[in-house]
Amino acid sequence: MMKKFNTTGKMIAAQHYMVPIDRQVNAAAKLVEENMYFCINRGRQYGKTTTLAFLKQYLEAKGYAVFSISFEGLPDSAYESLESLLFASVRLMELPLEMNNGKNLSEAATTMLINTISRHESTVDVITYRKMVASICSNNRIVLFIDEVDQAGNYPQFLKFLGLLREMYLSRDEIPTYYSVILAGVYDVRNLKLKLRPEDQHQYNSPWNIAAPFDADMSLQADGIAEMLVEYKQDHALVFDEQVIAQLIFDYTAGYPFLVSRLCQIMDENIFEWSREGVLMAVNILLKEGNTLFDDMVKKLCQFPGLAKILQSILYGGQRVPFNYYDKDINLGAMFNIVYDNLGATTIQCRIFETWLYNYLLKPGDDC
């Protein structure tokens, strides 16, 4: 089966054309090996889940036992109490063991996880959870991934869960616990509290202030895009200058993973020439279509009108807006990868976003 360009879900190397992501995987692995807890927070469809999938493979090859769980899709009943959420988290950890997908986990640890679930119907108390984690981590280097934390962040019980993990981390020299914990999502944990209590003066008190910074550049660089295009043109017996096309794609997307893959997908599906003209035709189609990334941007601009005003002042007024990390709207725009700090100035992420935002914000009326 020939590979395809993919814009839905995680990338699978055997099925999809993809830019190598060794840089971000190695950066994350280094933090894990240093026994750090951290967050991978990037905009929607920025490669977070794919990075976790490749990081899991890397760590398992190094002898770590990795549990990758997601609270996305859990029923509201799972968040009724901290005890019900702890039960759900243990159930999610135990599930792959039932299918013999656990690697590098001792038989005793596997038995402990399975027994914890079998002895409880819908809740696990804090003491039982801490004893279970201490037991399975005593002779295993266990790394816990929690993906898609944004939905869970709507529930106060999730913040209590993070607070418990923090307490366990702080006493790790006395009681064994997870070797590393990684949270992945659009919102960082501090801003999860913005969603719960936007007017609370204590909104910056984070239950996850133990997190090490993860500053790796997760954008796709031109040389990596060119490497992907080499494989594509060999598979399709095409002749074009992959370096020139890769640079052009990067110039329009700034390496935003979804935009890179979507442009290539449009060119492939429409059998455009891999030339400057072909790329520009694909850009034109992309700007006019509806897709999940643009849908999400509309929601963000409606949810945060202050951010929309800042973007309007940049696009229409030509104003230089200083980049201030502590300005809530600017910080949110950067967290969503809509803007970035360009030598102290708040700047739109890429050319495609500039054009799309200009057209969207120019529309009459209010669609929010």
Protein backbone atom coordinates (compact mmCIF):
# COMPACT_ATOMS: atom_id res chain seq x y z
CA MET A 1 0.00 0.00 0.00
CA MET A 2 1.40 3.35 -1.03
CA LYS A 3 1.76 6.01 1.65
CA LYS A 4 -0.57 9.01 1.86
CA PHE A 5 -0.37 12.50 3.28
CA ASN A 6 -2.33 12.55 6.54
CA THR A 7 -4.17 15.39 8.30
CA THR A 8 -6.33 13.39 10.74
CA GLY A 9 -5.04 11.76 13.89
CA LYS A 10 -1.49 10.71 14.61
CA MET A 11 1.07 9.93 11.95
CA ILE A 12 1.98 6.29 11.33
CA ALA A 13 5.37 6.01 9.65
CA ALA A 14 4.44 2.90 7.66
CA GLN A 15 1.30 4.53 6.23
CA HIS A 16 1.94 8.25 6.00
CA TYR A 17 4.44 10.62 4.46
CA MET A 18 5.85 12.53 7.38
CA VAL A 19 8.63 14.91 8.26
CA PRO A 20 11.15 13.36 10.69
CA ILE A 21 10.45 14.51 14.26
CA ASP A 22 13.63 13.26 15.91
CA ARG A 23 14.40 16.74 17.28
CA GLN A 24 11.30 17.02 19.45
CA VAL A 25 11.29 13.34 20.42
CA ASN A 26 14.92 13.54 21.58
CA ALA A 27 14.21 16.74 23.52
CA ALA A 28 11.31 15.07 25.34
CA ALA A 29 13.29 11.88 25.94
CA LYS A 30 16.09 13.90 27.53
CA LEU A 31 13.65 15.35 30.09
CA VAL A 32 12.25 11.88 30.82
CA GLU A 33 15.73 10.47 31.34
CA GLU A 34 16.39 13.34 33.77
CA ASN A 35 13.37 12.22 35.83
CA MET A 36 11.36 15.35 34.94
CA TYR A 37 7.60 15.97 34.83
CA PHE A 38 6.57 18.34 32.04
CA CYS A 39 3.88 19.49 29.60
CA ILE A 40 3.76 19.44 25.81
CA ASN A 41 1.45 22.36 25.03
CA ARG A 42 1.01 23.40 21.41
CA GLY A 43 -1.80 24.57 19.14
CA ARG A 44 -4.45 22.30 17.68
CA GLN A 45 -3.07 19.68 15.27
CA TYR A 46 0.52 20.59 16.01
CA GLY A 47 1.86 17.03 16.27
CA LYS A 48 1.54 16.44 20.02
CA THR A 49 -0.06 12.99 19.82
CA THR A 50 2.34 11.89 17.09
CA THR A 51 5.29 13.04 19.20
CA LEU A 52 4.00 11.02 22.16
CA ALA A 53 3.58 7.93 19.98
CA PHE A 54 7.18 8.09 18.72
CA LEU A 55 8.45 8.97 22.19
CA LYS A 56 6.73 5.87 23.56
CA GLN A 57 8.55 3.70 21.03
CA TYR A 58 11.86 5.35 21.87
CA LEU A 59 11.44 4.95 25.64
CA GLU A 60 10.27 1.35 25.41
CA ALA A 61 13.38 0.55 23.41
CA LYS A 62 15.36 1.99 26.34
CA GLY A 63 13.61 -0.26 28.85
CA TYR A 64 10.96 2.09 30.22
CA ALA A 65 7.39 0.93 30.80
CA VAL A 66 5.11 3.55 29.25
CA PHE A 67 1.42 4.02 29.93
CA SER A 68 -0.22 6.36 27.42
CA ILE A 69 -3.73 7.32 28.48
CA SER A 70 -6.26 9.92 27.45
CA PHE A 71 -9.23 11.19 29.44
CA GLU A 72 -10.94 12.27 26.23
CA GLY A 73 -14.36 10.66 25.96
CA LEU A 74 -14.67 9.72 29.62
CA PRO A 75 -18.25 10.11 30.91
CA ASP A 76 -19.08 12.88 33.37
CA SER A 77 -19.49 10.21 36.04
CA ALA A 78 -15.72 9.65 35.98
CA TYR A 79 -15.28 13.21 37.31
CA GLU A 80 -17.82 12.99 40.13
CA SER A 81 -15.02 12.66 42.67
CA LEU A 82 -11.27 12.30 42.85
CA GLU A 83 -11.80 8.64 43.76
CA SER A 84 -13.85 7.96 40.62
CA LEU A 85 -11.21 9.69 38.47
CA LEU A 86 -8.44 7.64 40.06
CA PHE A 87 -10.39 4.48 39.24
CA ALA A 88 -10.78 5.64 35.62
CA SER A 89 -7.05 6.37 35.32
CA VAL A 90 -6.10 2.93 36.68
CA ARG A 91 -8.62 1.30 34.35
CA LEU A 92 -7.06 3.10 31.38
CA MET A 93 -3.62 1.88 32.47
CA GLU A 94 -4.84 -1.69 32.93
CA LEU A 95 -6.65 -1.86 29.59
CA PRO A 96 -3.58 -2.44 27.35
CA LEU A 97 -2.37 -5.15 29.73
CA GLU A 98 -5.53 -7.12 28.96
CA MET A 99 -4.46 -7.10 25.30
CA ASN A 100 -0.85 -8.03 26.14
CA ASN A 101 0.41 -4.65 24.96
CA GLY A 102 2.41 -3.81 28.07
CA LYS A 103 6.19 -3.70 27.59
CA ASN A 104 8.99 -3.72 30.18
CA LEU A 105 6.56 -4.19 33.06
CA SER A 106 7.27 -6.87 35.63
CA GLU A 107 4.76 -9.66 36.23
CA ALA A 108 4.26 -8.47 39.80
CA ALA A 109 3.41 -4.94 38.64
CA THR A 110 1.00 -6.28 36.04
CA THR A 111 -0.74 -8.39 38.67
CA MET A 112 -0.98 -5.43 41.04
CA LEU A 113 -2.68 -3.26 38.40
CA ILE A 114 -5.14 -5.96 37.44
CA ASN A 115 -5.95 -6.75 41.07
CA THR A 116 -6.55 -3.09 41.90
CA ILE A 117 -9.27 -2.94 39.26
CA SER A 118 -10.80 -6.31 40.13
CA ARG A 119 -11.15 -5.36 43.81
CA HIS A 120 -12.93 -2.07 43.17
CA GLU A 121 -16.17 -1.33 41.37
CA SER A 122 -16.02 2.36 40.48
CA THR A 123 -13.70 4.20 42.86
CA VAL A 124 -10.15 3.95 44.18
CA ASP A 125 -9.26 5.96 47.28
CA VAL A 126 -6.10 8.06 47.48
CA ILE A 127 -4.23 5.74 49.86
CA THR A 128 -4.91 2.68 47.68
CA TYR A 129 -3.79 4.59 44.57
CA ARG A 130 -0.57 5.76 46.21
CA LYS A 131 0.22 2.24 47.45
CA MET A 132 -0.46 0.79 44.00
CA VAL A 133 1.80 3.31 42.27
CA ALA A 134 4.56 2.79 44.84
CA SER A 135 4.33 -0.98 44.32
CA ILE A 136 4.43 -0.99 40.52
CA CYS A 137 7.17 1.67 40.42
CA SER A 138 9.45 0.04 42.98
CA ASN A 139 11.19 -2.13 40.37
CA ASN A 140 10.01 -0.52 37.12
CA ARG A 141 10.82 2.79 35.44
CA ILE A 142 7.26 3.79 34.61
CA VAL A 143 6.42 6.84 32.52
CA LEU A 144 2.84 8.12 32.38
CA PHE A 145 1.54 10.06 29.36
CA ILE A 146 -1.77 11.91 29.72
CA ASP A 147 -2.93 13.16 26.32
CA GLU A 148 -5.79 15.55 25.49
CA VAL A 149 -5.85 17.17 28.93
CA ASP A 150 -8.00 20.09 27.71
CA GLN A 151 -11.32 18.31 28.11
CA ALA A 152 -10.34 16.98 31.53
CA GLY A 153 -9.35 20.50 32.52
CA ASN A 154 -13.02 21.48 32.61
CA TYR A 155 -13.37 19.46 35.81
CA PRO A 156 -12.00 20.51 39.24
CA GLN A 157 -11.35 16.85 40.09
CA PHE A 158 -8.70 16.68 37.38
CA LEU A 159 -6.77 19.50 39.04
CA LYS A 160 -6.98 17.56 42.31
CA PHE A 161 -5.58 14.54 40.46
CA LEU A 162 -2.64 16.64 39.23
CA GLY A 163 -2.16 17.92 42.77
CA LEU A 164 -1.92 14.32 43.99
CA LEU A 165 0.68 13.49 41.34
CA ARG A 166 2.64 16.56 42.45
CA GLU A 167 2.57 15.43 46.08
CA MET A 168 3.81 11.99 45.03
CA TYR A 169 6.59 13.56 42.96
CA LEU A 170 7.77 15.74 45.86
CA SER A 171 8.12 12.67 48.11
CA ARG A 172 9.70 10.45 45.46
CA ASP A 173 12.93 10.15 47.50
CA GLU A 174 10.92 8.30 50.17
CA ILE A 175 8.16 6.51 48.26
CA PRO A 176 8.55 5.22 44.68
CA THR A 177 6.38 6.90 42.08
CA TYR A 178 6.21 7.49 38.32
CA TYR A 179 9.63 8.14 36.84
CA SER A 180 8.16 10.85 34.64
CA VAL A 181 4.71 12.24 33.84
CA ILE A 182 3.93 14.11 30.61
CA LEU A 183 0.76 16.10 30.01
CA ALA A 184 -0.17 16.97 26.42
CA GLY A 185 -2.78 19.42 25.23
CA VAL A 186 -3.42 22.89 23.86
CA TYR A 187 -3.90 24.58 27.23
CA ASP A 188 -1.13 24.51 29.79
CA VAL A 189 -2.18 23.60 33.31
CA ARG A 190 -2.13 27.18 34.54
CA ASN A 191 -4.58 28.18 31.84
CA LEU A 192 -6.79 25.19 32.59
CA LYS A 193 -7.75 27.19 35.67
CA LEU A 194 -8.70 30.08 33.41
CA LYS A 195 -11.35 27.80 31.92
CA LEU A 196 -12.68 26.90 35.36
CA ARG A 197 -12.61 30.27 37.08
CA PRO A 198 -11.73 33.05 34.62
CA GLU A 199 -12.24 35.83 37.16
CA ASP A 200 -10.47 34.16 40.06
CA GLN A 201 -7.57 36.21 41.40
CA HIS A 202 -5.78 32.95 42.21
CA GLN A 203 -5.95 31.64 38.64
CA TYR A 204 -2.15 31.46 38.37
CA ASN A 205 -1.74 29.07 41.31
CA SER A 206 -0.95 25.91 39.39
CA PRO A 207 -1.19 22.35 40.75
CA TRP A 208 1.60 21.52 38.30
CA ASN A 209 4.31 24.01 39.27
CA ILE A 210 6.81 21.15 39.38
CA ALA A 211 6.79 20.95 35.58
CA ALA A 212 10.07 21.45 33.75
CA PRO A 213 9.87 23.68 30.64
CA PHE A 214 9.57 21.91 27.30
CA ASP A 215 10.71 24.53 24.80
CA ALA A 216 11.60 22.32 21.85
CA ASP A 217 10.67 23.76 18.45
CA MET A 218 7.98 21.42 17.11
CA SER A 219 7.53 23.23 13.80
CA LEU A 220 8.57 21.32 10.68
CA GLN A 221 11.68 22.82 9.13
CA ALA A 222 12.32 23.17 5.40
CA ASP A 223 15.08 20.53 5.32
CA GLY A 224 12.74 18.00 6.99
CA ILE A 225 9.93 18.82 4.56
CA ALA A 226 12.39 18.28 1.70
CA GLU A 227 13.33 14.88 3.12
CA MET A 228 9.66 13.87 3.13
CA LEU A 229 9.22 15.09 -0.46
CA VAL A 230 12.20 13.03 -1.62
CA GLU A 231 10.37 9.86 -0.56
CA TYR A 232 7.15 11.07 -2.17
CA LYS A 233 8.68 11.88 -5.55
CA GLN A 234 10.56 8.56 -5.62
CA ASP A 235 7.33 6.65 -4.95
CA HIS A 236 5.52 8.56 -7.71
CA ALA A 237 8.42 8.75 -10.21
CA LEU A 238 8.27 12.55 -10.28
CA VAL A 239 10.95 15.10 -11.03
CA PHE A 240 11.02 18.41 -9.13
CA ASP A 241 13.33 20.37 -6.88
CA GLU A 242 12.29 19.27 -3.41
CA GLN A 243 14.48 21.90 -1.73
CA VAL A 244 12.75 24.77 -3.54
CA ILE A 245 9.25 23.38 -2.94
CA ALA A 246 9.98 22.58 0.71
CA GLN A 247 11.21 26.12 1.32
CA LEU A 248 8.14 27.57 -0.38
CA ILE A 249 5.82 25.41 1.74
CA PHE A 250 7.71 26.48 4.85
CA ASP A 251 7.50 30.15 3.86
CA TYR A 252 3.69 29.95 3.78
CA THR A 253 3.19 27.69 6.81
CA ALA A 254 6.13 28.47 9.12
CA GLY A 255 6.25 24.70 9.56
CA TYR A 256 2.82 24.39 11.22
CA PRO A 257 2.41 20.57 10.91
CA PHE A 258 -1.24 20.50 9.84
CA LEU A 259 -0.73 23.20 7.21
CA VAL A 260 2.35 21.47 5.79
CA SER A 261 0.54 18.14 5.45
CA ARG A 262 -2.65 19.74 4.11
CA LEU A 263 -0.85 21.67 1.36
CA CYS A 264 0.95 18.51 0.26
CA GLN A 265 -2.30 16.56 0.44
CA ILE A 266 -4.11 19.10 -1.76
CA MET A 267 -1.31 19.03 -4.34
CA ASP A 268 -1.29 15.24 -4.39
CA GLU A 269 -5.08 14.83 -4.61
CA ASN A 270 -5.46 17.47 -7.32
CA ILE A 271 -2.41 16.25 -9.25
CA PHE A 272 -0.89 19.74 -9.21
CA GLU A 273 2.61 20.22 -10.53
CA TRP A 274 5.17 20.38 -7.75
CA SER A 275 6.18 23.89 -8.72
CA ARG A 276 5.70 27.40 -7.39
CA GLU A 277 2.45 27.68 -9.31
CA GLY A 278 1.22 24.36 -7.92
CA VAL A 279 1.96 25.40 -4.34
CA LEU A 280 0.15 28.72 -4.83
CA MET A 281 -2.90 26.90 -6.23
CA ALA A 282 -2.90 24.64 -3.17
CA VAL A 283 -2.60 27.66 -0.85
CA ASN A 284 -5.61 29.25 -2.56
CA ILE A 285 -7.71 26.10 -2.07
CA LEU A 286 -6.62 25.77 1.55
CA LEU A 287 -7.61 29.36 2.36
CA LYS A 288 -11.11 28.84 0.95
CA GLU A 289 -11.91 25.47 2.52
CA GLY A 290 -13.39 24.59 5.86
CA ASN A 291 -11.20 22.38 7.99
CA THR A 292 -10.81 21.43 11.64
CA LEU A 293 -7.95 23.86 12.27
CA PHE A 294 -9.80 26.89 10.92
CA ASP A 295 -12.97 25.77 12.73
CA ASP A 296 -11.01 25.73 15.97
CA MET A 297 -9.56 29.19 15.28
CA VAL A 298 -13.08 30.57 14.84
CA LYS A 299 -14.03 29.14 18.24
CA LYS A 300 -10.96 30.65 19.88
CA LEU A 301 -11.60 34.11 18.41
CA CYS A 302 -15.21 33.98 19.61
CA GLN A 303 -14.20 32.73 23.04
CA PHE A 304 -11.46 35.36 23.48
CA PRO A 305 -12.58 38.66 21.89
CA GLY A 306 -9.54 40.43 23.36
CA LEU A 307 -7.31 38.22 21.21
CA ALA A 308 -9.43 39.02 18.14
CA LYS A 309 -8.98 42.77 18.82
CA ILE A 310 -5.21 42.39 19.05
CA LEU A 311 -5.14 40.53 15.72
CA GLN A 312 -7.30 43.22 14.12
CA SER A 313 -4.98 45.98 15.32
CA ILE A 314 -2.01 44.15 13.80
CA LEU A 315 -3.69 43.25 10.50
CA TYR A 316 -5.73 46.38 9.83
CA GLY A 317 -4.08 49.07 11.91
CA GLY A 318 -0.52 48.06 11.19
CA GLN A 319 0.21 48.52 14.87
CA ARG A 320 3.26 47.10 16.57
CA VAL A 321 1.92 45.24 19.58
CA PRO A 322 4.68 44.46 22.10
CA PHE A 323 4.83 40.80 23.03
CA ASN A 324 4.00 40.58 26.72
CA TYR A 325 3.89 37.08 28.18
CA TYR A 326 1.72 38.32 31.07
CA ASP A 327 -0.91 39.83 28.78
CA LYS A 328 -3.61 37.14 28.95
CA ASP A 329 -4.78 37.55 25.34
CA ILE A 330 -1.27 37.60 23.86
CA ASN A 331 -0.30 34.61 25.97
CA LEU A 332 -3.34 32.70 24.75
CA GLY A 333 -2.57 33.59 21.13
CA ALA A 334 0.95 32.24 21.54
CA MET A 335 -0.33 29.11 23.29
CA PHE A 336 -2.68 28.46 20.36
CA ASN A 337 0.25 29.06 17.95
CA ILE A 338 -1.61 31.90 16.28
CA VAL A 339 1.03 34.50 17.19
CA TYR A 340 4.65 34.41 18.32
CA ASP A 341 7.30 36.67 19.80
CA ASN A 342 9.26 38.20 16.92
CA LEU A 343 12.04 40.29 18.47
CA GLY A 344 9.63 41.67 21.02
CA ALA A 345 6.71 42.20 18.64
CA THR A 346 3.52 40.12 18.57
CA THR A 347 3.50 38.60 15.08
CA ILE A 348 1.03 36.38 13.20
CA GLN A 349 2.36 32.83 13.01
CA CYS A 350 2.52 32.44 9.23
CA ARG A 351 1.39 33.83 5.86
CA ILE A 352 -1.57 31.46 5.62
CA PHE A 353 -2.85 32.58 9.03
CA GLU A 354 -2.33 36.24 8.06
CA THR A 355 -4.48 35.91 4.95
CA TRP A 356 -7.13 33.71 6.57
CA LEU A 357 -7.43 35.96 9.64
CA TYR A 358 -7.56 39.09 7.48
CA ASN A 359 -10.47 37.68 5.48
CA TYR A 360 -12.28 36.27 8.51
CA LEU A 361 -11.99 39.34 10.74
CA LEU A 362 -13.03 41.62 7.87
CA LYS A 363 -16.42 39.96 7.58
CA PRO A 364 -19.48 42.03 8.58
CA GLY A 365 -21.51 41.11 11.66
CA ASP A 366 -20.72 38.77 14.50
CA ASP A 367 -20.90 35.01 13.94
CA CYS A 368 -20.05 34.13 17.55
